[in-house]
Amino acid sequence: SDEYPDLPVDLQSTFEPRAGMRLDTAEDGQTRVRRLFPDTVYDLRLVHPDISSSQRTALLEHFVGHAGAVFDYTDPKGATYSVRWADEPKGMPAPNGRWMMQAYLIGTRTDG
């Protein structure tokens, strides 16, 4: 698997765990919880502030080249994830020809 591009990540980025449970009611009226998957799954929203046009291009090319693939991502604190793209990167121009981009990934922690 290929690594995610090395880009600055803003503190506004989020790494949200999914509950991984489905709550429902049994025929007898008792509530029950079913675990949907064994590992915690995370929704990652990476905010890349003030990146260059070439960094933006690298991000978009990574999306195109890995849209259905699993790849590695290491967050700024050193936590590692095995992820897939959840959506196409979104962005808007910033001053001086720079860009503010957001990337959306889904995956599991691989470092325990």
PDB file of N, CA and C in Angstrom:
ATOM      1  N   SER A   1       0.841  -1.191   0.000  1.00  0.00           N
ATOM      2  CA  SER A   1       0.000   0.000   0.000  1.00  0.00           C
ATOM      3  C   SER A   1       0.880   1.247   0.000  1.00  0.00           C
ATOM      4  N   ASP A   2       0.422   2.268  -0.648  1.00  0.00           N
ATOM      5  CA  ASP A   2       1.173   3.521  -0.730  1.00  0.00           C
ATOM      6  C   ASP A   2       0.788   4.438   0.406  1.00  0.00           C
ATOM      7  N   GLU A   3       1.734   5.244   0.812  1.00  0.00           N
ATOM      8  CA  GLU A   3       1.490   6.228   1.867  1.00  0.00           C
ATOM      9  C   GLU A   3       0.681   7.409   1.328  1.00  0.00           C
ATOM     10  N   TYR A   4      -0.070   8.015   2.210  1.00  0.00           N
ATOM     11  CA  TYR A   4      -0.771   9.259   1.930  1.00  0.00           C
ATOM     12  C   TYR A   4       0.272  10.355   1.719  1.00  0.00           C
ATOM     13  N   PRO A   5       0.011  11.337   0.857  1.00  0.00           N
ATOM     14  CA  PRO A   5       0.994  12.410   0.641  1.00  0.00           C
ATOM     15  C   PRO A   5       1.374  13.133   1.935  1.00  0.00           C
ATOM     16  N   ASP A   6       2.613  13.547   2.026  1.00  0.00           N
ATOM     17  CA  ASP A   6       3.121  14.251   3.205  1.00  0.00           C
ATOM     18  C   ASP A   6       2.731  15.721   3.097  1.00  0.00           C
ATOM     19  N   LEU A   7       1.629  16.090   3.771  1.00  0.00           N
ATOM     20  CA  LEU A   7       1.084  17.441   3.719  1.00  0.00           C
ATOM     21  C   LEU A   7       0.859  17.954   5.137  1.00  0.00           C
ATOM     22  N   PRO A   8       0.923  19.276   5.335  1.00  0.00           N
ATOM     23  CA  PRO A   8       0.612  19.817   6.660  1.00  0.00           C
ATOM     24  C   PRO A   8      -0.844  19.519   7.016  1.00  0.00           C
ATOM     25  N   VAL A   9      -1.087  19.200   8.288  1.00  0.00           N
ATOM     26  CA  VAL A   9      -2.436  18.875   8.764  1.00  0.00           C
ATOM     27  C   VAL A   9      -2.791  19.848   9.881  1.00  0.00           C
ATOM     28  N   ASP A  10      -3.918  20.525   9.716  1.00  0.00           N
ATOM     29  CA  ASP A  10      -4.368  21.535  10.668  1.00  0.00           C
ATOM     30  C   ASP A  10      -5.005  20.893  11.900  1.00  0.00           C
ATOM     31  N   LEU A  11      -4.996  21.612  13.011  1.00  0.00           N
ATOM     32  CA  LEU A  11      -5.613  21.133  14.253  1.00  0.00           C
ATOM     33  C   LEU A  11      -7.122  20.971  14.131  1.00  0.00           C
ATOM     34  N   GLN A  12      -7.736  21.572  13.107  1.00  0.00           N
ATOM     35  CA  GLN A  12      -9.178  21.420  12.891  1.00  0.00           C
ATOM     36  C   GLN A  12      -9.528  20.056  12.303  1.00  0.00           C
ATOM     37  N   SER A  13      -8.522  19.276  11.935  1.00  0.00           N
ATOM     38  CA  SER A  13      -8.771  17.926  11.422  1.00  0.00           C
ATOM     39  C   SER A  13      -9.438  17.089  12.500  1.00  0.00           C
ATOM     40  N   THR A  14     -10.259  16.123  12.076  1.00  0.00           N
ATOM     41  CA  THR A  14     -10.958  15.275  13.042  1.00  0.00           C
ATOM     42  C   THR A  14     -10.688  13.804  12.755  1.00  0.00           C
ATOM     43  N   PHE A  15     -10.628  13.019  13.820  1.00  0.00           N
ATOM     44  CA  PHE A  15     -10.400  11.579  13.772  1.00  0.00           C
ATOM     45  C   PHE A  15     -11.482  10.949  14.649  1.00  0.00           C
ATOM     46  N   GLU A  16     -12.661  10.742  14.079  1.00  0.00           N
ATOM     47  CA  GLU A  16     -13.829  10.335  14.868  1.00  0.00           C
ATOM     48  C   GLU A  16     -14.071   8.834  14.763  1.00  0.00           C
ATOM     49  N   PRO A  17     -14.102   8.143  15.922  1.00  0.00           N
ATOM     50  CA  PRO A  17     -14.440   6.721  15.885  1.00  0.00           C
ATOM     51  C   PRO A  17     -15.927   6.518  15.640  1.00  0.00           C
ATOM     52  N   ARG A  18     -16.259   5.506  14.864  1.00  0.00           N
ATOM     53  CA  ARG A  18     -17.663   5.114  14.693  1.00  0.00           C
ATOM     54  C   ARG A  18     -18.024   4.179  15.839  1.00  0.00           C
ATOM     55  N   ALA A  19     -19.264   4.209  16.250  1.00  0.00           N
ATOM     56  CA  ALA A  19     -19.693   3.361  17.358  1.00  0.00           C
ATOM     57  C   ALA A  19     -19.553   1.880  17.003  1.00  0.00           C
ATOM     58  N   GLY A  20     -19.823   1.520  15.756  1.00  0.00           N
ATOM     59  CA  GLY A  20     -19.706   0.129  15.350  1.00  0.00           C
ATOM     60  C   GLY A  20     -20.758  -0.768  15.961  1.00  0.00           C
ATOM     61  N   MET A  21     -21.853  -0.161  16.391  1.00  0.00           N
ATOM     62  CA  MET A  21     -22.927  -0.937  17.009  1.00  0.00           C
ATOM     63  C   MET A  21     -24.254  -0.561  16.370  1.00  0.00           C
ATOM     64  N   ARG A  22     -25.145  -1.518  16.342  1.00  0.00           N
ATOM     65  CA  ARG A  22     -26.508  -1.237  15.892  1.00  0.00           C
ATOM     66  C   ARG A  22     -27.441  -1.552  17.053  1.00  0.00           C
ATOM     67  N   LEU A  23     -28.231  -0.587  17.436  1.00  0.00           N
ATOM     68  CA  LEU A  23     -29.205  -0.757  18.512  1.00  0.00           C
ATOM     69  C   LEU A  23     -30.545  -1.080  17.883  1.00  0.00           C
ATOM     70  N   ASP A  24     -31.232  -2.082  18.421  1.00  0.00           N
ATOM     71  CA  ASP A  24     -32.582  -2.375  17.959  1.00  0.00           C
ATOM     72  C   ASP A  24     -33.369  -3.020  19.091  1.00  0.00           C
ATOM     73  N   THR A  25     -34.603  -3.363  18.810  1.00  0.00           N
ATOM     74  CA  THR A  25     -35.488  -3.944  19.812  1.00  0.00           C
ATOM     75  C   THR A  25     -35.886  -5.339  19.355  1.00  0.00           C
ATOM     76  N   ALA A  26     -35.761  -6.288  20.261  1.00  0.00           N
ATOM     77  CA  ALA A  26     -36.143  -7.667  19.969  1.00  0.00           C
ATOM     78  C   ALA A  26     -37.671  -7.790  19.994  1.00  0.00           C
ATOM     79  N   GLU A  27     -38.191  -8.938  19.524  1.00  0.00           N
ATOM     80  CA  GLU A  27     -39.633  -9.155  19.483  1.00  0.00           C
ATOM     81  C   GLU A  27     -40.280  -9.047  20.860  1.00  0.00           C
ATOM     82  N   ASP A  28     -39.517  -9.387  21.904  1.00  0.00           N
ATOM     83  CA  ASP A  28     -40.078  -9.326  23.262  1.00  0.00           C
ATOM     84  C   ASP A  28     -39.978  -7.931  23.883  1.00  0.00           C
ATOM     85  N   GLY A  29     -39.492  -6.960  23.128  1.00  0.00           N
ATOM     86  CA  GLY A  29     -39.401  -5.584  23.609  1.00  0.00           C
ATOM     87  C   GLY A  29     -38.079  -5.223  24.250  1.00  0.00           C
ATOM     88  N   GLN A  30     -37.206  -6.193  24.451  1.00  0.00           N
ATOM     89  CA  GLN A  30     -35.895  -5.922  25.025  1.00  0.00           C
ATOM     90  C   GLN A  30     -35.003  -5.237  23.993  1.00  0.00           C
ATOM     91  N   THR A  31     -34.210  -4.286  24.463  1.00  0.00           N
ATOM     92  CA  THR A  31     -33.246  -3.665  23.560  1.00  0.00           C
ATOM     93  C   THR A  31     -32.020  -4.554  23.462  1.00  0.00           C
ATOM     94  N   ARG A  32     -31.374  -4.487  22.344  1.00  0.00           N
ATOM     95  CA  ARG A  32     -30.145  -5.255  22.158  1.00  0.00           C
ATOM     96  C   ARG A  32     -29.177  -4.446  21.323  1.00  0.00           C
ATOM     97  N   VAL A  33     -27.916  -4.807  21.466  1.00  0.00           N
ATOM     98  CA  VAL A  33     -26.841  -4.142  20.736  1.00  0.00           C
ATOM     99  C   VAL A  33     -26.111  -5.208  19.939  1.00  0.00           C
ATOM    100  N   ARG A  34     -25.916  -4.951  18.673  1.00  0.00           N
ATOM    101  CA  ARG A  34     -25.127  -5.855  17.835  1.00  0.00           C
ATOM    102  C   ARG A  34     -23.875  -5.112  17.385  1.00  0.00           C
ATOM    103  N   ARG A  35     -22.756  -5.746  17.573  1.00  0.00           N
ATOM    104  CA  ARG A  35     -21.476  -5.172  17.131  1.00  0.00           C
ATOM    105  C   ARG A  35     -21.318  -5.481  15.653  1.00  0.00           C
ATOM    106  N   LEU A  36     -21.091  -4.439  14.838  1.00  0.00           N
ATOM    107  CA  LEU A  36     -21.049  -4.604  13.388  1.00  0.00           C
ATOM    108  C   LEU A  36     -19.681  -5.001  12.864  1.00  0.00           C
ATOM    109  N   PHE A  37     -18.624  -4.634  13.576  1.00  0.00           N
ATOM    110  CA  PHE A  37     -17.279  -4.967  13.128  1.00  0.00           C
ATOM    111  C   PHE A  37     -16.366  -5.020  14.341  1.00  0.00           C
ATOM    112  N   PRO A  38     -15.336  -5.884  14.293  1.00  0.00           N
ATOM    113  CA  PRO A  38     -14.504  -6.102  15.478  1.00  0.00           C
ATOM    114  C   PRO A  38     -13.568  -4.940  15.828  1.00  0.00           C
ATOM    115  N   ASP A  39     -13.069  -4.227  14.844  1.00  0.00           N
ATOM    116  CA  ASP A  39     -12.142  -3.123  15.096  1.00  0.00           C
ATOM    117  C   ASP A  39     -12.875  -1.792  15.016  1.00  0.00           C
ATOM    118  N   THR A  40     -12.425  -0.822  15.793  1.00  0.00           N
ATOM    119  CA  THR A  40     -13.003   0.515  15.719  1.00  0.00           C
ATOM    120  C   THR A  40     -12.665   1.127  14.363  1.00  0.00           C
ATOM    121  N   VAL A  41     -13.676   1.638  13.697  1.00  0.00           N
ATOM    122  CA  VAL A  41     -13.506   2.289  12.407  1.00  0.00           C
ATOM    123  C   VAL A  41     -13.543   3.794  12.643  1.00  0.00           C
ATOM    124  N   TYR A  42     -12.634   4.508  11.982  1.00  0.00           N
ATOM    125  CA  TYR A  42     -12.521   5.963  12.142  1.00  0.00           C
ATOM    126  C   TYR A  42     -12.884   6.684  10.855  1.00  0.00           C
ATOM    127  N   ASP A  43     -13.584   7.793  11.011  1.00  0.00           N
ATOM    128  CA  ASP A  43     -13.800   8.742   9.924  1.00  0.00           C
ATOM    129  C   ASP A  43     -12.776   9.848  10.117  1.00  0.00           C
ATOM    130  N   LEU A  44     -11.908  10.022   9.138  1.00  0.00           N
ATOM    131  CA  LEU A  44     -10.864  11.042   9.206  1.00  0.00           C
ATOM    132  C   LEU A  44     -11.211  12.180   8.257  1.00  0.00           C
ATOM    133  N   ARG A  45     -11.216  13.381   8.782  1.00  0.00           N
ATOM    134  CA  ARG A  45     -11.359  14.589   7.950  1.00  0.00           C
ATOM    135  C   ARG A  45     -10.073  15.368   8.150  1.00  0.00           C
ATOM    136  N   LEU A  46      -9.248  15.353   7.126  1.00  0.00           N
ATOM    137  CA  LEU A  46      -7.941  16.012   7.198  1.00  0.00           C
ATOM    138  C   LEU A  46      -8.029  17.386   6.561  1.00  0.00           C
ATOM    139  N   VAL A  47      -7.681  18.401   7.320  1.00  0.00           N
ATOM    140  CA  VAL A  47      -7.664  19.772   6.820  1.00  0.00           C
ATOM    141  C   VAL A  47      -6.214  20.118   6.497  1.00  0.00           C
ATOM    142  N   HIS A  48      -5.971  20.431   5.227  1.00  0.00           N
ATOM    143  CA  HIS A  48      -4.633  20.815   4.770  1.00  0.00           C
ATOM    144  C   HIS A  48      -4.658  22.312   4.451  1.00  0.00           C
ATOM    145  N   PRO A  49      -4.187  23.147   5.381  1.00  0.00           N
ATOM    146  CA  PRO A  49      -4.244  24.589   5.174  1.00  0.00           C
ATOM    147  C   PRO A  49      -3.047  25.084   4.366  1.00  0.00           C
ATOM    148  N   ASP A  50      -3.267  26.066   3.571  1.00  0.00           N
ATOM    149  CA  ASP A  50      -2.158  26.793   2.940  1.00  0.00           C
ATOM    150  C   ASP A  50      -1.155  25.874   2.236  1.00  0.00           C
ATOM    151  N   ILE A  51      -1.652  25.039   1.308  1.00  0.00           N
ATOM    152  CA  ILE A  51      -0.743  24.183   0.554  1.00  0.00           C
ATOM    153  C   ILE A  51      -0.560  24.756  -0.854  1.00  0.00           C
ATOM    154  N   SER A  52       0.523  24.386  -1.472  1.00  0.00           N
ATOM    155  CA  SER A  52       0.845  24.894  -2.812  1.00  0.00           C
ATOM    156  C   SER A  52       0.002  24.181  -3.869  1.00  0.00           C
ATOM    157  N   SER A  53       0.006  24.731  -5.067  1.00  0.00           N
ATOM    158  CA  SER A  53      -0.707  24.088  -6.181  1.00  0.00           C
ATOM    159  C   SER A  53      -0.137  22.705  -6.469  1.00  0.00           C
ATOM    160  N   SER A  54       1.166  22.529  -6.362  1.00  0.00           N
ATOM    161  CA  SER A  54       1.754  21.212  -6.614  1.00  0.00           C
ATOM    162  C   SER A  54       1.373  20.217  -5.520  1.00  0.00           C
ATOM    163  N   GLN A  55       1.252  20.672  -4.264  1.00  0.00           N
ATOM    164  CA  GLN A  55       0.789  19.788  -3.193  1.00  0.00           C
ATOM    165  C   GLN A  55      -0.679  19.407  -3.419  1.00  0.00           C
ATOM    166  N   ARG A  56      -1.487  20.353  -3.879  1.00  0.00           N
ATOM    167  CA  ARG A  56      -2.888  20.076  -4.198  1.00  0.00           C
ATOM    168  C   ARG A  56      -2.963  19.038  -5.307  1.00  0.00           C
ATOM    169  N   THR A  57      -2.144  19.206  -6.337  1.00  0.00           N
ATOM    170  CA  THR A  57      -2.119  18.247  -7.441  1.00  0.00           C
ATOM    171  C   THR A  57      -1.730  16.862  -6.936  1.00  0.00           C
ATOM    172  N   ALA A  58      -0.737  16.776  -6.049  1.00  0.00           N
ATOM    173  CA  ALA A  58      -0.325  15.484  -5.489  1.00  0.00           C
ATOM    174  C   ALA A  58      -1.472  14.825  -4.727  1.00  0.00           C
ATOM    175  N   LEU A  59      -2.235  15.614  -3.980  1.00  0.00           N
ATOM    176  CA  LEU A  59      -3.376  15.098  -3.241  1.00  0.00           C
ATOM    177  C   LEU A  59      -4.440  14.557  -4.197  1.00  0.00           C
ATOM    178  N   LEU A  60      -4.772  15.331  -5.218  1.00  0.00           N
ATOM    179  CA  LEU A  60      -5.788  14.907  -6.190  1.00  0.00           C
ATOM    180  C   LEU A  60      -5.324  13.686  -6.983  1.00  0.00           C
ATOM    181  N   GLU A  61      -4.053  13.634  -7.331  1.00  0.00           N
ATOM    182  CA  GLU A  61      -3.522  12.474  -8.045  1.00  0.00           C
ATOM    183  C   GLU A  61      -3.544  11.225  -7.164  1.00  0.00           C
ATOM    184  N   HIS A  62      -3.276  11.400  -5.873  1.00  0.00           N
ATOM    185  CA  HIS A  62      -3.357  10.264  -4.958  1.00  0.00           C
ATOM    186  C   HIS A  62      -4.782   9.736  -4.916  1.00  0.00           C
ATOM    187  N   PHE A  63      -5.765  10.624  -4.865  1.00  0.00           N
ATOM    188  CA  PHE A  63      -7.169  10.202  -4.875  1.00  0.00           C
ATOM    189  C   PHE A  63      -7.476   9.407  -6.140  1.00  0.00           C
ATOM    190  N   VAL A  64      -7.104   9.934  -7.288  1.00  0.00           N
ATOM    191  CA  VAL A  64      -7.396   9.261  -8.567  1.00  0.00           C
ATOM    192  C   VAL A  64      -6.708   7.894  -8.624  1.00  0.00           C
ATOM    193  N   GLY A  65      -5.462   7.833  -8.189  1.00  0.00           N
ATOM    194  CA  GLY A  65      -4.699   6.597  -8.263  1.00  0.00           C
ATOM    195  C   GLY A  65      -5.028   5.568  -7.201  1.00  0.00           C
ATOM    196  N   HIS A  66      -5.728   5.990  -6.126  1.00  0.00           N
ATOM    197  CA  HIS A  66      -5.993   5.087  -5.009  1.00  0.00           C
ATOM    198  C   HIS A  66      -7.459   5.098  -4.577  1.00  0.00           C
ATOM    199  N   ALA A  67      -8.351   5.501  -5.470  1.00  0.00           N
ATOM    200  CA  ALA A  67      -9.760   5.687  -5.092  1.00  0.00           C
ATOM    201  C   ALA A  67     -10.387   4.442  -4.467  1.00  0.00           C
ATOM    202  N   GLY A  68     -10.031   3.266  -4.904  1.00  0.00           N
ATOM    203  CA  GLY A  68     -10.608   2.053  -4.337  1.00  0.00           C
ATOM    204  C   GLY A  68      -9.629   1.244  -3.513  1.00  0.00           C
ATOM    205  N   ALA A  69      -8.449   1.753  -3.329  1.00  0.00           N
ATOM    206  CA  ALA A  69      -7.372   0.989  -2.694  1.00  0.00           C
ATOM    207  C   ALA A  69      -7.247   1.292  -1.205  1.00  0.00           C
ATOM    208  N   VAL A  70      -6.616   0.377  -0.500  1.00  0.00           N
ATOM    209  CA  VAL A  70      -6.251   0.582   0.901  1.00  0.00           C
ATOM    210  C   VAL A  70      -4.824   1.119   0.924  1.00  0.00           C
ATOM    211  N   PHE A  71      -4.587   2.131   1.766  1.00  0.00           N
ATOM    212  CA  PHE A  71      -3.249   2.703   1.889  1.00  0.00           C
ATOM    213  C   PHE A  71      -3.022   3.136   3.324  1.00  0.00           C
ATOM    214  N   ASP A  72      -1.805   3.535   3.641  1.00  0.00           N
ATOM    215  CA  ASP A  72      -1.430   3.897   5.007  1.00  0.00           C
ATOM    216  C   ASP A  72      -1.483   5.405   5.210  1.00  0.00           C
ATOM    217  N   TYR A  73      -1.883   5.800   6.422  1.00  0.00           N
ATOM    218  CA  TYR A  73      -1.841   7.202   6.820  1.00  0.00           C
ATOM    219  C   TYR A  73      -1.294   7.274   8.248  1.00  0.00           C
ATOM    220  N   THR A  74      -0.365   8.168   8.486  1.00  0.00           N
ATOM    221  CA  THR A  74       0.165   8.423   9.826  1.00  0.00           C
ATOM    222  C   THR A  74      -0.217   9.839  10.217  1.00  0.00           C
ATOM    223  N   ASP A  75      -0.926   9.972  11.351  1.00  0.00           N
ATOM    224  CA  ASP A  75      -1.379  11.301  11.759  1.00  0.00           C
ATOM    225  C   ASP A  75      -0.235  12.083  12.415  1.00  0.00           C
ATOM    226  N   PRO A  76      -0.438  13.381  12.662  1.00  0.00           N
ATOM    227  CA  PRO A  76       0.641  14.210  13.219  1.00  0.00           C
ATOM    228  C   PRO A  76       1.179  13.738  14.572  1.00  0.00           C
ATOM    229  N   LYS A  77       0.394  12.953  15.322  1.00  0.00           N
ATOM    230  CA  LYS A  77       0.842  12.446  16.616  1.00  0.00           C
ATOM    231  C   LYS A  77       1.520  11.086  16.498  1.00  0.00           C
ATOM    232  N   GLY A  78       1.594  10.542  15.270  1.00  0.00           N
ATOM    233  CA  GLY A  78       2.277   9.275  15.042  1.00  0.00           C
ATOM    234  C   GLY A  78       1.380   8.049  15.003  1.00  0.00           C
ATOM    235  N   ALA A  79       0.073   8.219  15.197  1.00  0.00           N
ATOM    236  CA  ALA A  79      -0.847   7.082  15.095  1.00  0.00           C
ATOM    237  C   ALA A  79      -0.956   6.662  13.634  1.00  0.00           C
ATOM    238  N   THR A  80      -1.000   5.359  13.396  1.00  0.00           N
ATOM    239  CA  THR A  80      -1.071   4.862  12.020  1.00  0.00           C
ATOM    240  C   THR A  80      -2.429   4.230  11.753  1.00  0.00           C
ATOM    241  N   TYR A  81      -2.876   4.392  10.519  1.00  0.00           N
ATOM    242  CA  TYR A  81      -4.178   3.905  10.079  1.00  0.00           C
ATOM    243  C   TYR A  81      -4.025   3.188   8.746  1.00  0.00           C
ATOM    244  N   SER A  82      -4.879   2.195   8.536  1.00  0.00           N
ATOM    245  CA  SER A  82      -5.056   1.572   7.229  1.00  0.00           C
ATOM    246  C   SER A  82      -6.378   2.127   6.714  1.00  0.00           C
ATOM    247  N   VAL A  83      -6.340   2.888   5.621  1.00  0.00           N
ATOM    248  CA  VAL A  83      -7.502   3.685   5.214  1.00  0.00           C
ATOM    249  C   VAL A  83      -7.836   3.510   3.737  1.00  0.00           C
ATOM    250  N   ARG A  84      -9.007   4.002   3.397  1.00  0.00           N
ATOM    251  CA  ARG A  84      -9.481   4.163   2.020  1.00  0.00           C
ATOM    252  C   ARG A  84     -10.027   5.588   1.900  1.00  0.00           C
ATOM    253  N   TRP A  85     -10.089   6.050   0.673  1.00  0.00           N
ATOM    254  CA  TRP A  85     -10.751   7.336   0.442  1.00  0.00           C
ATOM    255  C   TRP A  85     -12.247   7.155   0.682  1.00  0.00           C
ATOM    256  N   ALA A  86     -12.869   8.084   1.424  1.00  0.00           N
ATOM    257  CA  ALA A  86     -14.313   8.079   1.656  1.00  0.00           C
ATOM    258  C   ALA A  86     -15.030   9.037   0.705  1.00  0.00           C
ATOM    259  N   ASP A  87     -14.303  10.007   0.185  1.00  0.00           N
ATOM    260  CA  ASP A  87     -14.877  11.000  -0.723  1.00  0.00           C
ATOM    261  C   ASP A  87     -13.730  11.719  -1.424  1.00  0.00           C
ATOM    262  N   GLU A  88     -14.051  12.384  -2.498  1.00  0.00           N
ATOM    263  CA  GLU A  88     -13.050  13.169  -3.232  1.00  0.00           C
ATOM    264  C   GLU A  88     -12.602  14.357  -2.390  1.00  0.00           C
ATOM    265  N   PRO A  89     -11.307  14.713  -2.423  1.00  0.00           N
ATOM    266  CA  PRO A  89     -10.851  15.899  -1.685  1.00  0.00           C
ATOM    267  C   PRO A  89     -11.575  17.157  -2.171  1.00  0.00           C
ATOM    268  N   LYS A  90     -11.867  18.030  -1.239  1.00  0.00           N
ATOM    269  CA  LYS A  90     -12.542  19.295  -1.545  1.00  0.00           C
ATOM    270  C   LYS A  90     -11.612  20.439  -1.154  1.00  0.00           C
ATOM    271  N   GLY A  91     -11.765  21.568  -1.837  1.00  0.00           N
ATOM    272  CA  GLY A  91     -10.901  22.673  -1.472  1.00  0.00           C
ATOM    273  C   GLY A  91     -11.340  23.993  -2.040  1.00  0.00           C
ATOM    274  N   MET A  92     -10.595  25.005  -1.644  1.00  0.00           N
ATOM    275  CA  MET A  92     -10.841  26.348  -2.156  1.00  0.00           C
ATOM    276  C   MET A  92      -9.531  27.116  -2.183  1.00  0.00           C
ATOM    277  N   PRO A  93      -9.447  28.046  -3.122  1.00  0.00           N
ATOM    278  CA  PRO A  93      -8.222  28.843  -3.211  1.00  0.00           C
ATOM    279  C   PRO A  93      -8.009  29.666  -1.949  1.00  0.00           C
ATOM    280  N   ALA A  94      -6.764  29.812  -1.586  1.00  0.00           N
ATOM    281  CA  ALA A  94      -6.350  30.668  -0.461  1.00  0.00           C
ATOM    282  C   ALA A  94      -5.512  31.803  -1.056  1.00  0.00           C
ATOM    283  N   PRO A  95      -5.142  32.784  -0.268  1.00  0.00           N
ATOM    284  CA  PRO A  95      -4.347  33.895  -0.806  1.00  0.00           C
ATOM    285  C   PRO A  95      -3.012  33.431  -1.402  1.00  0.00           C
ATOM    286  N   ASN A  96      -2.501  34.238  -2.311  1.00  0.00           N
ATOM    287  CA  ASN A  96      -1.171  34.048  -2.905  1.00  0.00           C
ATOM    288  C   ASN A  96      -1.006  32.736  -3.673  1.00  0.00           C
ATOM    289  N   GLY A  97      -2.075  32.297  -4.347  1.00  0.00           N
ATOM    290  CA  GLY A  97      -1.978  31.103  -5.165  1.00  0.00           C
ATOM    291  C   GLY A  97      -1.916  29.805  -4.382  1.00  0.00           C
ATOM    292  N   ARG A  98      -2.237  29.852  -3.102  1.00  0.00           N
ATOM    293  CA  ARG A  98      -2.203  28.663  -2.248  1.00  0.00           C
ATOM    294  C   ARG A  98      -3.599  28.042  -2.196  1.00  0.00           C
ATOM    295  N   TRP A  99      -3.730  26.914  -1.500  1.00  0.00           N
ATOM    296  CA  TRP A  99      -4.995  26.199  -1.398  1.00  0.00           C
ATOM    297  C   TRP A  99      -5.255  25.749   0.032  1.00  0.00           C
ATOM    298  N   MET A 100      -6.548  25.659   0.392  1.00  0.00           N
ATOM    299  CA  MET A 100      -6.992  25.008   1.622  1.00  0.00           C
ATOM    300  C   MET A 100      -7.794  23.802   1.144  1.00  0.00           C
ATOM    301  N   MET A 101      -7.340  22.599   1.515  1.00  0.00           N
ATOM    302  CA  MET A 101      -7.990  21.378   1.053  1.00  0.00           C
ATOM    303  C   MET A 101      -8.451  20.547   2.253  1.00  0.00           C
ATOM    304  N   GLN A 102      -9.509  19.762   2.021  1.00  0.00           N
ATOM    305  CA  GLN A 102      -9.974  18.794   3.006  1.00  0.00           C
ATOM    306  C   GLN A 102     -10.042  17.434   2.335  1.00  0.00           C
ATOM    307  N   ALA A 103      -9.558  16.425   3.051  1.00  0.00           N
ATOM    308  CA  ALA A 103      -9.575  15.058   2.559  1.00  0.00           C
ATOM    309  C   ALA A 103     -10.390  14.201   3.518  1.00  0.00           C
ATOM    310  N   TYR A 104     -11.106  13.221   2.974  1.00  0.00           N
ATOM    311  CA  TYR A 104     -12.002  12.383   3.766  1.00  0.00           C
ATOM    312  C   TYR A 104     -11.599  10.922   3.602  1.00  0.00           C
ATOM    313  N   LEU A 105     -11.188  10.299   4.716  1.00  0.00           N
ATOM    314  CA  LEU A 105     -10.727   8.913   4.706  1.00  0.00           C
ATOM    315  C   LEU A 105     -11.526   8.104   5.725  1.00  0.00           C
ATOM    316  N   ILE A 106     -11.541   6.790   5.556  1.00  0.00           N
ATOM    317  CA  ILE A 106     -12.166   5.886   6.527  1.00  0.00           C
ATOM    318  C   ILE A 106     -11.225   4.711   6.710  1.00  0.00           C
ATOM    319  N   GLY A 107     -11.042   4.280   7.975  1.00  0.00           N
ATOM    320  CA  GLY A 107     -10.152   3.143   8.187  1.00  0.00           C
ATOM    321  C   GLY A 107     -10.013   2.770   9.642  1.00  0.00           C
ATOM    322  N   THR A 108      -9.063   1.898   9.900  1.00  0.00           N
ATOM    323  CA  THR A 108      -8.818   1.391  11.248  1.00  0.00           C
ATOM    324  C   THR A 108      -7.387   1.717  11.682  1.00  0.00           C
ATOM    325  N   ARG A 109      -7.191   1.822  12.990  1.00  0.00           N
ATOM    326  CA  ARG A 109      -5.841   2.026  13.536  1.00  0.00           C
ATOM    327  C   ARG A 109      -5.057   0.737  13.349  1.00  0.00           C
ATOM    328  N   THR A 110      -3.787   0.867  13.018  1.00  0.00           N
ATOM    329  CA  THR A 110      -2.945  -0.308  12.837  1.00  0.00           C
ATOM    330  C   THR A 110      -1.844  -0.392  13.878  1.00  0.00           C
ATOM    331  N   ASP A 111      -1.813   0.569  14.791  1.00  0.00           N
ATOM    332  CA  ASP A 111      -0.752   0.583  15.805  1.00  0.00           C
ATOM    333  C   ASP A 111      -1.276   0.196  17.189  1.00  0.00           C
ATOM    334  N   GLY A 112      -2.432  -0.437  17.220  1.00  0.00           N
ATOM    335  CA  GLY A 112      -2.985  -0.906  18.494  1.00  0.00           C
ATOM    336  C   GLY A 112      -3.739   0.157  19.169  1.00  0.00           C
TER     337      GLY A 112
END
